[in-house]
Amino acid sequence: MGLELAAAMAMVLLSLGCSLVTYRLFLHPLSKYPGPWLAATTDWYAAFYAWRGDLHVQSRRWHERYGDIVRFGPHALSFNTHTGMNAIYGTRANVQKAGGYASMSVSRRTPNTITAVDKTLHGFKRRILTQVFSDQGLKAIEGRILANIYDFTNLLGAAKDEPRLESKGANEWGQAKNMASMCDWLAFDIISDLCYGEDFDMLHSPKLRWFPSVVRNIAQRSVMSLVQEKFFNYKIDRVFMASQYKAILAAGTWVRERAEARARLGNDIEQKDMFYTMMNTTDPKTGLAFSQKDLWLESMLLLAAGSDTTSTAMSGAFFYLAHHPDSLARLIREVRTSFAHEEEISMGAQLHSCTFLQACINETMRLVPSVSNAPPRDVQAGGILVDDEFLPQGTTLGTSIYTIQRNPRYFTAPDEFRPERWIVDPETGVNEDDIKTAKQGFCPFSIGPRSCVGWKLAWTELNVSIARTLFRYDMRLAPEATCCHGKREDCEYQFKGWMTSAVEGPWVQFRPGRAR
């Protein structure tokens, strides 16, 4: 009797499974859209690539094969057009953030600015952070940023036991540096200093260098949860990531304690930090302010979003410049002729006038977006029209940042590092229309009301760090570097496309530049 019951239940489950697959493949409202057939049957198909860190690569392949609209989940579509992207992420889009964003908060019950699905709550939090990252807010903390960058440039030219490269011969190349690690340490030191008035000191001490790996574990968990919400909702992440979960919880506790300690200081600090601004800022619309828990959650968010994303772009810039000597030489000339002293390089019009520097950063962020996958949006009641396609409530939509930024419709030779594509120049054949077209597909900080609120801070760090480094030093790819098996110009920076991108290298060397 027991075997017969088990067999009957198995048959029922098999029939239900076959019926579900048949429905999703042939009868579902999205069945008319092309894409991998396995993806049409289950979200676990895309989740597999998300876990591996190459969903962004697969997304591009799917669009190259199937066209501008790809079905990458039973209820999910990806659009690879700027019109589709604007419709999905625009201010009036009838969508909301997917539920999987809840995985990106260290509290399962209380959201931060990124994880807030409710638009009213998100608006309140964003209006406060907008004041934190305003020009006035950044000017107040510029001294802290520059102090950390000064330490960074000093260490680039130092061997293990040498304070500065200038102690060596003027033409002698220094010890090879892993720029992924160096940029990680700088970014975390800056954002921790800005958040708590005290940096992690990763540039000088290994004590807290475990923190970036925890952020990447969280990023891996987050991208899985965005693609397959069951991964987080049913706590499957605790099984898949059992070995990392203890460190994730420890990081959350550590940040909470640091936030509480900073809160106890109140306004009794010598130099303003972002925590000061968050504590003393109210929402101009509601008059409300952040609670103690808000301060903890937002500071944890800033540590992750304000560090890993910036360091990825920075190490990517060093990678492509080291592999393209002509671009590197042009950028060095621009920086060294624009400034007489390293200390002059700071926020302002003079730095912004370095057009080739801006072009190199744009091109790096195009090729190596810090967030590479499609930020998912769920269609609300009433549906939405995207690229003349009406999509009903319950559909999940998105545009892969990596994929659209390598779409040949917007970028000629999309896999090549060509900073010149961002500068109008008759000699290169680039005109205003070319740049206008490129900007249509360029979205490294996303677009719309949910775009990155801290982009000005990231842009400042990238510009000042790269400019000061190349003002002081010459740079080359280390002879022993093994990336790309010795290739140069056609070498591509490899990264894991989780919620933020995880990278390694490049290994580069520095020596003193021109006499100052």
Protein backbone atom coordinates (compact mmCIF):
# COMPACT_ATOMS: atom_id res chain seq x y z
CA MET A 1 0.00 0.00 0.00
CA GLY A 2 2.82 2.36 0.90
CA LEU A 3 4.61 1.77 -2.40
CA GLU A 4 1.40 2.28 -4.36
CA LEU A 5 0.75 5.59 -2.57
CA ALA A 6 4.29 6.75 -3.20
CA ALA A 7 4.02 5.80 -6.87
CA ALA A 8 0.70 7.62 -7.18
CA MET A 9 2.12 10.75 -5.59
CA ALA A 10 5.14 10.57 -7.88
CA MET A 11 2.86 10.34 -10.91
CA VAL A 12 0.83 13.31 -9.71
CA LEU A 13 3.96 15.40 -9.17
CA LEU A 14 5.33 14.35 -12.56
CA SER A 15 2.06 15.27 -14.25
CA LEU A 16 1.99 18.64 -12.52
CA GLY A 17 5.60 19.26 -13.51
CA CYS A 18 4.94 18.36 -17.14
CA SER A 19 1.83 20.53 -17.18
CA LEU A 20 3.75 23.48 -15.74
CA VAL A 21 6.57 23.10 -18.27
CA THR A 22 4.08 22.78 -21.14
CA TYR A 23 2.21 25.87 -19.98
CA ARG A 24 5.35 27.97 -19.62
CA LEU A 25 6.73 26.88 -23.00
CA PHE A 26 3.57 27.16 -25.11
CA LEU A 27 0.69 28.86 -23.28
CA HIS A 28 2.30 31.46 -21.01
CA PRO A 29 1.75 35.16 -21.98
CA LEU A 30 5.52 35.44 -22.57
CA SER A 31 5.79 32.26 -24.64
CA LYS A 32 5.97 34.26 -27.88
CA TYR A 33 9.29 35.85 -26.88
CA PRO A 34 12.51 34.05 -27.86
CA GLY A 35 15.15 32.82 -25.45
CA PRO A 36 16.73 29.63 -24.07
CA TRP A 37 13.95 27.10 -23.61
CA LEU A 38 15.27 26.02 -20.21
CA ALA A 39 15.12 29.62 -19.04
CA ALA A 40 11.43 29.68 -19.99
CA THR A 41 10.75 26.76 -17.65
CA THR A 42 12.61 27.83 -14.50
CA ASP A 43 14.44 30.78 -12.93
CA TRP A 44 17.11 28.37 -11.72
CA TYR A 45 18.59 28.32 -15.23
CA ALA A 46 19.63 31.99 -15.11
CA ALA A 47 20.42 31.61 -11.41
CA PHE A 48 23.07 29.02 -12.28
CA TYR A 49 24.96 31.59 -14.37
CA ALA A 50 24.38 34.24 -11.71
CA TRP A 51 26.05 31.98 -9.14
CA ARG A 52 29.02 31.41 -11.47
CA GLY A 53 29.37 35.13 -12.03
CA ASP A 54 28.94 35.10 -15.81
CA LEU A 55 25.25 35.87 -16.24
CA HIS A 56 26.24 39.14 -17.91
CA VAL A 57 28.21 37.21 -20.54
CA GLN A 58 25.34 34.79 -21.13
CA SER A 59 22.90 37.68 -21.41
CA ARG A 60 24.96 39.20 -24.18
CA ARG A 61 25.13 35.87 -26.01
CA TRP A 62 21.37 35.43 -25.73
CA HIS A 63 20.72 38.87 -27.18
CA GLU A 64 23.18 38.26 -30.01
CA ARG A 65 21.30 35.06 -30.82
CA TYR A 66 17.67 35.98 -30.15
CA GLY A 67 17.50 39.75 -30.69
CA ASP A 68 16.58 42.84 -28.67
CA ILE A 69 14.02 41.06 -26.45
CA VAL A 70 15.00 37.86 -24.66
CA ARG A 71 12.98 35.73 -22.27
CA PHE A 72 15.48 34.74 -19.57
CA GLY A 73 12.99 33.42 -17.00
CA PRO A 74 9.42 32.09 -16.93
CA HIS A 75 8.13 35.59 -16.15
CA ALA A 76 11.19 37.67 -17.12
CA LEU A 77 12.24 39.63 -20.20
CA SER A 78 15.46 41.45 -21.00
CA PHE A 79 15.49 44.46 -23.35
CA ASN A 80 18.69 45.49 -25.13
CA THR A 81 17.62 48.91 -26.44
CA HIS A 82 17.91 52.39 -24.96
CA THR A 83 14.20 52.97 -25.54
CA GLY A 84 13.37 49.82 -23.63
CA MET A 85 15.76 50.78 -20.84
CA ASN A 86 14.20 54.24 -20.53
CA ALA A 87 10.70 52.77 -20.42
CA ILE A 88 11.65 50.29 -17.68
CA TYR A 89 13.70 52.57 -15.42
CA GLY A 90 12.14 55.95 -16.16
CA THR A 91 10.43 58.11 -13.55
CA ARG A 92 6.91 57.25 -14.70
CA ALA A 93 7.47 53.54 -15.28
CA ASN A 94 4.68 51.41 -13.81
CA VAL A 95 7.13 49.09 -12.08
CA GLN A 96 8.73 48.54 -8.72
CA LYS A 97 11.93 46.90 -7.57
CA ALA A 98 11.85 43.10 -7.44
CA GLY A 99 11.44 41.44 -4.05
CA GLY A 100 14.90 39.89 -4.26
CA TYR A 101 16.43 43.25 -3.34
CA ALA A 102 15.62 42.42 0.29
CA SER A 103 18.71 40.19 0.30
CA MET A 104 20.92 43.28 0.08
CA SER A 105 20.09 44.54 3.56
CA VAL A 106 21.72 43.13 6.69
CA SER A 107 18.26 43.30 8.28
CA ARG A 108 15.57 41.02 6.87
CA ARG A 109 12.83 43.31 8.20
CA THR A 110 14.17 46.81 7.65
CA PRO A 111 15.25 47.97 4.16
CA ASN A 112 17.98 50.42 3.21
CA THR A 113 17.87 52.86 0.30
CA ILE A 114 18.71 50.24 -2.32
CA THR A 115 16.46 47.50 -0.95
CA ALA A 116 13.40 49.67 -0.29
CA VAL A 117 10.73 48.39 -2.68
CA ASP A 118 8.11 50.86 -1.45
CA LYS A 119 8.49 54.06 -3.49
CA THR A 120 7.46 56.37 -0.63
CA LEU A 121 10.03 54.89 1.74
CA HIS A 122 12.69 54.97 -0.94
CA GLY A 123 11.91 58.60 -1.71
CA PHE A 124 12.37 59.56 1.95
CA LYS A 125 15.73 57.80 2.21
CA ARG A 126 16.99 59.08 -1.13
CA ARG A 127 16.13 62.70 -0.35
CA ILE A 128 18.37 62.51 2.71
CA LEU A 129 21.23 60.81 0.88
CA THR A 130 20.96 63.30 -1.98
CA GLN A 131 21.95 66.00 0.50
CA VAL A 132 24.83 63.85 1.76
CA PHE A 133 26.19 63.50 -1.79
CA SER A 134 25.49 67.04 -2.96
CA ASP A 135 28.35 69.25 -4.18
CA GLN A 136 28.27 71.04 -0.84
CA GLY A 137 28.29 67.75 1.05
CA LEU A 138 31.23 66.39 -0.93
CA LYS A 139 33.19 69.63 -0.54
CA ALA A 140 32.88 69.29 3.23
CA ILE A 141 34.52 65.84 3.18
CA GLU A 142 37.03 66.44 0.37
CA GLY A 143 39.93 66.70 2.82
CA ARG A 144 39.33 63.16 4.03
CA ILE A 145 39.21 61.86 0.46
CA LEU A 146 42.45 63.57 -0.55
CA ALA A 147 44.29 62.36 2.57
CA ASN A 148 43.54 58.73 1.74
CA ILE A 149 44.47 59.20 -1.92
CA TYR A 150 47.78 60.72 -0.81
CA ASP A 151 48.53 57.56 1.19
CA PHE A 152 47.56 55.46 -1.83
CA THR A 153 49.91 57.22 -4.25
CA ASN A 154 52.74 57.03 -1.72
CA LEU A 155 52.33 53.27 -1.38
CA LEU A 156 52.19 52.63 -5.12
CA GLY A 157 55.84 53.56 -5.35
CA ALA A 158 57.01 51.69 -2.26
CA ALA A 159 58.40 48.20 -1.85
CA LYS A 160 57.55 46.30 1.34
CA ASP A 161 60.19 48.01 3.45
CA GLU A 162 60.47 51.30 1.57
CA PRO A 163 58.38 54.37 2.37
CA ARG A 164 58.64 55.87 -1.12
CA LEU A 165 59.86 54.89 -4.56
CA GLU A 166 61.82 58.14 -4.76
CA SER A 167 64.36 56.49 -2.47
CA LYS A 168 65.28 54.23 -5.40
CA GLY A 169 67.00 55.17 -8.61
CA ALA A 170 64.99 57.53 -10.76
CA ASN A 171 64.75 55.03 -13.63
CA GLU A 172 64.17 51.93 -11.54
CA TRP A 173 60.76 50.32 -11.62
CA GLY A 174 59.21 49.52 -8.26
CA GLN A 175 57.75 46.33 -6.92
CA ALA A 176 54.77 45.01 -8.91
CA LYS A 177 51.43 45.90 -7.33
CA ASN A 178 48.14 44.03 -7.56
CA MET A 179 45.91 46.97 -8.42
CA ALA A 180 42.69 45.11 -7.60
CA SER A 181 43.86 44.85 -4.00
CA MET A 182 45.36 48.35 -3.86
CA CYS A 183 42.18 49.92 -5.24
CA ASP A 184 40.06 47.83 -2.86
CA TRP A 185 42.01 49.06 0.14
CA LEU A 186 41.85 52.68 -0.99
CA ALA A 187 38.11 52.58 -1.66
CA PHE A 188 37.33 50.93 1.68
CA ASP A 189 39.61 53.32 3.56
CA ILE A 190 37.90 56.31 1.96
CA ILE A 191 34.32 55.17 2.51
CA SER A 192 34.95 53.99 6.09
CA ASP A 193 36.63 57.31 6.89
CA LEU A 194 33.70 59.18 5.40
CA CYS A 195 31.14 57.04 7.22
CA TYR A 196 32.68 56.83 10.68
CA GLY A 197 35.43 59.45 10.84
CA GLU A 198 37.98 56.65 11.10
CA ASP A 199 39.26 54.57 8.21
CA PHE A 200 39.84 50.81 8.07
CA ASP A 201 43.56 51.46 7.46
CA MET A 202 43.62 48.65 4.88
CA LEU A 203 46.37 50.43 2.94
CA HIS A 204 48.75 49.97 5.87
CA SER A 205 47.42 47.05 7.91
CA PRO A 206 46.08 43.58 6.98
CA LYS A 207 43.81 43.47 10.05
CA LEU A 208 40.56 44.27 8.20
CA ARG A 209 41.44 43.15 4.69
CA TRP A 210 38.96 40.31 5.06
CA PHE A 211 36.12 42.80 4.63
CA PRO A 212 36.16 43.09 0.79
CA SER A 213 35.72 39.32 0.42
CA VAL A 214 32.64 39.47 2.65
CA VAL A 215 31.17 42.23 0.48
CA ARG A 216 31.67 40.01 -2.56
CA ASN A 217 29.97 37.11 -0.80
CA ILE A 218 27.02 39.39 -0.17
CA ALA A 219 27.14 40.47 -3.83
CA GLN A 220 27.03 36.83 -4.96
CA ARG A 221 24.09 36.09 -2.66
CA SER A 222 22.31 39.23 -3.84
CA VAL A 223 22.50 38.53 -7.56
CA MET A 224 21.26 34.99 -6.97
CA SER A 225 18.32 36.35 -4.97
CA LEU A 226 17.46 38.89 -7.66
CA VAL A 227 17.29 36.18 -10.33
CA GLN A 228 15.69 33.51 -8.12
CA GLU A 229 13.92 35.02 -5.11
CA LYS A 230 13.45 31.59 -3.51
CA PHE A 231 17.20 31.55 -2.85
CA PHE A 232 16.71 34.24 -0.19
CA ASN A 233 13.05 33.87 0.78
CA TYR A 234 13.41 30.17 1.64
CA LYS A 235 16.85 30.74 3.22
CA ILE A 236 18.53 28.46 0.70
CA ASP A 237 21.43 30.93 0.77
CA ARG A 238 22.29 29.71 4.26
CA VAL A 239 22.87 26.22 2.85
CA PHE A 240 24.77 27.23 -0.28
CA MET A 241 26.85 29.80 1.59
CA ALA A 242 27.17 28.12 4.98
CA SER A 243 30.94 28.58 5.08
CA GLN A 244 30.66 32.32 4.33
CA TYR A 245 27.56 33.09 6.38
CA LYS A 246 29.38 33.44 9.66
CA ALA A 247 31.65 36.10 8.16
CA ILE A 248 28.66 37.92 6.64
CA LEU A 249 26.92 38.07 10.02
CA ALA A 250 30.16 39.12 11.72
CA ALA A 251 30.56 41.97 9.22
CA GLY A 252 27.03 43.18 9.91
CA THR A 253 27.63 43.10 13.66
CA TRP A 254 30.98 44.85 13.30
CA VAL A 255 29.45 47.65 11.22
CA ARG A 256 26.55 48.07 13.66
CA GLU A 257 28.97 48.45 16.57
CA ARG A 258 31.03 50.96 14.61
CA ALA A 259 27.88 52.90 13.69
CA GLU A 260 26.72 52.93 17.32
CA ALA A 261 30.14 54.14 18.47
CA ARG A 262 30.09 56.92 15.88
CA ALA A 263 26.55 57.88 16.84
CA ARG A 264 27.61 58.28 20.48
CA LEU A 265 30.14 60.91 19.37
CA GLY A 266 27.30 62.93 17.89
CA ASN A 267 28.56 66.22 16.46
CA ASP A 268 31.68 66.23 18.64
CA ILE A 269 34.17 65.65 15.81
CA GLU A 270 37.03 67.71 14.41
CA GLN A 271 36.18 67.20 10.75
CA LYS A 272 32.76 66.50 9.25
CA ASP A 273 32.02 63.07 7.81
CA MET A 274 28.98 61.60 6.04
CA PHE A 275 27.66 60.21 9.31
CA TYR A 276 27.52 63.78 10.62
CA THR A 277 25.47 64.84 7.60
CA MET A 278 23.14 61.83 7.84
CA MET A 279 22.57 62.51 11.56
CA ASN A 280 21.82 66.19 11.03
CA THR A 281 19.79 66.04 7.83
CA THR A 282 16.02 65.89 7.58
CA ASP A 283 13.84 65.06 4.63
CA PRO A 284 12.67 68.42 3.20
CA LYS A 285 9.34 66.86 2.19
CA THR A 286 8.33 65.11 5.43
CA GLY A 287 10.64 66.64 8.04
CA LEU A 288 11.66 63.14 9.15
CA ALA A 289 15.21 62.03 9.90
CA PHE A 290 17.07 58.72 9.97
CA SER A 291 16.57 56.54 13.04
CA GLN A 292 19.47 54.83 14.81
CA LYS A 293 18.78 51.65 12.85
CA ASP A 294 18.59 53.62 9.60
CA LEU A 295 22.05 55.03 10.29
CA TRP A 296 23.44 51.52 10.78
CA LEU A 297 21.78 50.09 7.67
CA GLU A 298 22.67 53.04 5.45
CA SER A 299 26.29 53.05 6.62
CA MET A 300 26.54 49.33 5.81
CA LEU A 301 25.07 50.07 2.39
CA LEU A 302 27.55 52.87 1.80
CA LEU A 303 30.46 50.62 2.77
CA ALA A 304 29.46 48.06 0.14
CA ALA A 305 28.12 50.28 -2.64
CA GLY A 306 30.70 53.02 -2.10
CA SER A 307 33.75 50.77 -2.10
CA ASP A 308 33.53 47.69 -4.28
CA THR A 309 31.95 49.52 -7.20
CA THR A 310 34.56 52.30 -7.20
CA SER A 311 37.52 49.96 -6.80
CA THR A 312 36.36 47.84 -9.74
CA ALA A 313 36.27 50.84 -12.07
CA MET A 314 39.62 52.12 -10.78
CA SER A 315 41.49 48.84 -11.19
CA GLY A 316 39.84 48.45 -14.59
CA ALA A 317 41.20 51.83 -15.66
CA PHE A 318 44.73 50.86 -14.62
CA PHE A 319 44.30 47.55 -16.48
CA TYR A 320 43.30 49.08 -19.80
CA LEU A 321 45.81 51.91 -19.58
CA ALA A 322 48.63 49.45 -18.85
CA HIS A 323 47.57 47.40 -21.87
CA HIS A 324 47.29 50.44 -24.17
CA PRO A 325 50.58 52.40 -23.99
CA ASP A 326 49.43 55.04 -26.48
CA SER A 327 46.38 55.92 -24.39
CA LEU A 328 48.50 55.88 -21.24
CA ALA A 329 51.07 58.25 -22.75
CA ARG A 330 48.36 60.64 -23.94
CA LEU A 331 46.71 60.69 -20.53
CA ILE A 332 50.02 61.29 -18.74
CA ARG A 333 50.72 64.25 -21.04
CA GLU A 334 47.30 65.71 -20.38
CA VAL A 335 47.55 65.44 -16.60
CA ARG A 336 51.13 66.72 -16.34
CA THR A 337 50.48 69.71 -18.59
CA SER A 338 47.24 70.61 -16.80
CA PHE A 339 48.75 70.82 -13.32
CA ALA A 340 52.00 72.17 -11.90
CA HIS A 341 51.79 70.37 -8.55
CA GLU A 342 50.13 67.18 -7.40
CA GLU A 343 48.29 69.05 -4.63
CA GLU A 344 46.43 71.07 -7.28
CA ILE A 345 44.62 67.93 -8.43
CA SER A 346 41.28 68.01 -6.62
CA MET A 347 37.57 68.50 -7.27
CA GLY A 348 36.86 71.36 -9.63
CA ALA A 349 36.79 72.75 -13.14
CA GLN A 350 40.50 72.22 -13.84
CA LEU A 351 40.26 68.48 -13.31
CA HIS A 352 37.01 68.32 -15.24
CA SER A 353 38.75 70.01 -18.19
CA CYS A 354 40.98 66.93 -18.61
CA THR A 355 38.82 65.53 -21.39
CA PHE A 356 40.93 62.48 -22.13
CA LEU A 357 40.87 61.50 -18.45
CA GLN A 358 37.07 61.69 -18.52
CA ALA A 359 37.07 59.65 -21.73
CA CYS A 360 39.28 56.93 -20.23
CA ILE A 361 37.04 56.63 -17.19
CA ASN A 362 33.91 56.53 -19.35
CA GLU A 363 35.41 53.84 -21.54
CA THR A 364 36.50 51.77 -18.55
CA MET A 365 33.06 51.94 -16.96
CA ARG A 366 31.53 50.95 -20.28
CA LEU A 367 33.69 47.83 -20.54
CA VAL A 368 33.76 46.99 -16.83
CA PRO A 369 30.49 48.18 -15.29
CA SER A 370 30.51 47.85 -11.52
CA VAL A 371 26.97 46.45 -11.73
CA SER A 372 26.83 44.35 -14.88
CA ASN A 373 23.48 42.55 -14.80
CA ALA A 374 19.93 43.79 -15.32
CA PRO A 375 18.44 45.47 -12.22
CA PRO A 376 15.04 43.69 -12.15
CA ARG A 377 11.74 45.56 -12.08
CA ASP A 378 8.30 44.00 -11.50
CA VAL A 379 5.39 45.30 -13.57
CA GLN A 380 2.48 46.58 -11.47
CA ALA A 381 -1.30 46.48 -12.00
CA GLY A 382 -2.25 48.00 -15.33
CA GLY A 383 0.81 46.73 -17.16
CA ILE A 384 3.44 48.66 -19.09
CA LEU A 385 4.30 49.38 -22.72
CA VAL A 386 7.96 48.76 -23.61
CA ASP A 387 9.17 49.05 -27.21
CA ASP A 388 5.57 48.69 -28.43
CA GLU A 389 5.12 45.49 -26.41
CA PHE A 390 2.39 45.47 -23.75
CA LEU A 391 3.51 43.51 -20.71
CA PRO A 392 1.09 42.51 -17.95
CA GLN A 393 1.38 42.73 -14.18
CA GLY A 394 3.73 40.12 -12.75
CA THR A 395 6.29 40.35 -15.54
CA THR A 396 9.88 41.04 -14.49
CA LEU A 397 11.83 43.37 -16.79
CA GLY A 398 15.39 44.58 -17.05
CA THR A 399 18.27 45.77 -19.21
CA SER A 400 21.71 44.24 -18.72
CA ILE A 401 24.16 47.11 -18.28
CA TYR A 402 27.06 45.01 -19.57
CA THR A 403 25.09 43.92 -22.63
CA ILE A 404 23.73 47.29 -23.74
CA GLN A 405 27.12 48.94 -23.19
CA ARG A 406 28.59 46.46 -25.70
CA ASN A 407 25.75 46.75 -28.17
CA PRO A 408 27.21 47.61 -31.63
CA ARG A 409 24.12 49.73 -32.28
CA TYR A 410 25.61 52.27 -29.88
CA PHE A 411 29.33 51.49 -29.93
CA THR A 412 31.56 50.74 -32.90
CA ALA A 413 34.00 47.91 -32.10
CA PRO A 414 32.25 47.43 -28.74
CA ASP A 415 34.88 45.13 -27.21
CA GLU A 416 37.78 47.51 -27.84
CA PHE A 417 39.15 50.09 -25.40
CA ARG A 418 38.75 53.32 -27.37
CA PRO A 419 38.64 56.43 -25.17
CA GLU A 420 38.63 58.51 -28.35
CA ARG A 421 35.01 57.51 -28.97
CA TRP A 422 34.00 60.02 -26.26
CA ILE A 423 35.76 63.06 -27.79
CA VAL A 424 34.67 64.97 -30.90
CA ASP A 425 37.66 65.01 -33.23
CA PRO A 426 37.73 65.25 -37.06
CA GLU A 427 40.98 63.26 -37.11
CA THR A 428 39.37 60.22 -35.49
CA GLY A 429 36.07 60.75 -37.30
CA VAL A 430 34.06 61.10 -34.08
CA ASN A 431 31.28 63.70 -34.29
CA GLU A 432 28.52 64.95 -31.99
CA ASP A 433 26.03 62.41 -33.34
CA ASP A 434 28.40 59.55 -32.53
CA ILE A 435 28.70 60.70 -28.92
CA LYS A 436 24.95 61.24 -28.67
CA THR A 437 24.40 57.67 -29.85
CA ALA A 438 26.99 56.32 -27.41
CA LYS A 439 25.37 58.14 -24.50
CA GLN A 440 22.05 56.48 -25.32
CA GLY A 441 23.54 53.10 -24.43
CA PHE A 442 25.77 54.29 -21.58
CA CYS A 443 24.37 53.72 -18.09
CA PRO A 444 27.14 52.72 -15.61
CA PHE A 445 25.22 54.27 -12.69
CA SER A 446 21.83 53.11 -14.03
CA ILE A 447 19.16 55.70 -14.85
CA GLY A 448 15.98 57.12 -13.40
CA PRO A 449 14.86 57.64 -9.79
CA ARG A 450 16.68 54.50 -8.63
CA SER A 451 20.04 55.39 -10.18
CA CYS A 452 23.18 55.49 -8.02
CA VAL A 453 22.82 58.37 -5.56
CA GLY A 454 26.55 58.39 -4.80
CA TRP A 455 27.84 58.67 -8.36
CA LYS A 456 29.48 62.06 -7.73
CA LEU A 457 31.61 60.57 -4.95
CA ALA A 458 32.66 57.67 -7.17
CA TRP A 459 33.46 60.04 -10.03
CA THR A 460 35.55 62.23 -7.73
CA GLU A 461 37.54 59.29 -6.35
CA LEU A 462 38.24 57.92 -9.83
CA ASN A 463 39.33 61.23 -11.33
CA VAL A 464 41.53 62.38 -8.47
CA SER A 465 43.13 58.96 -7.80
CA ILE A 466 44.04 58.25 -11.42
CA ALA A 467 45.19 61.81 -12.14
CA ARG A 468 47.40 62.02 -9.05
CA THR A 469 48.90 58.60 -9.72
CA LEU A 470 49.84 59.45 -13.30
CA PHE A 471 51.06 62.93 -12.36
CA ARG A 472 53.57 61.38 -9.97
CA TYR A 473 54.47 58.10 -11.70
CA ASP A 474 55.15 56.40 -14.97
CA MET A 475 53.39 53.04 -15.15
CA ARG A 476 53.79 49.78 -17.00
CA LEU A 477 52.39 46.26 -16.97
CA ALA A 478 54.71 44.11 -14.85
CA PRO A 479 56.90 41.87 -17.05
CA GLU A 480 55.84 38.82 -15.05
CA ALA A 481 52.12 39.60 -15.42
CA THR A 482 50.33 36.52 -16.77
CA CYS A 483 47.00 38.08 -17.73
CA CYS A 484 45.81 37.27 -21.24
CA HIS A 485 48.82 35.01 -21.81
CA GLY A 486 51.05 37.89 -22.83
CA LYS A 487 48.58 39.63 -25.14
CA ARG A 488 48.33 43.42 -24.93
CA GLU A 489 45.86 45.57 -26.89
CA ASP A 490 43.27 42.81 -27.36
CA CYS A 491 43.43 41.79 -23.71
CA GLU A 492 40.17 42.07 -21.77
CA TYR A 493 39.69 42.60 -18.04
CA GLN A 494 37.96 39.55 -16.58
CA PHE A 495 35.46 39.91 -13.75
CA LYS A 496 32.71 38.10 -11.91
CA GLY A 497 29.40 39.83 -12.55
CA TRP A 498 27.67 39.47 -9.21
CA MET A 499 25.69 42.34 -7.68
CA THR A 500 28.98 44.20 -7.82
CA SER A 501 31.88 43.00 -9.94
CA ALA A 502 34.78 40.97 -8.54
CA VAL A 503 38.17 41.37 -10.24
CA GLU A 504 41.83 40.36 -10.00
CA GLY A 505 44.89 42.35 -11.07
CA PRO A 506 46.35 43.92 -13.06
CA TRP A 507 49.91 43.61 -11.79
CA VAL A 508 51.68 46.86 -12.66
CA GLN A 509 54.87 48.69 -11.76
CA PHE A 510 55.56 52.37 -11.11
CA ARG A 511 58.57 54.67 -11.20
CA PRO A 512 58.91 58.43 -10.63
CA GLY A 513 57.63 60.55 -13.49
CA ARG A 514 58.96 63.92 -14.54
CA ALA A 515 60.97 66.06 -12.11
CA ARG A 516 58.80 68.31 -9.98
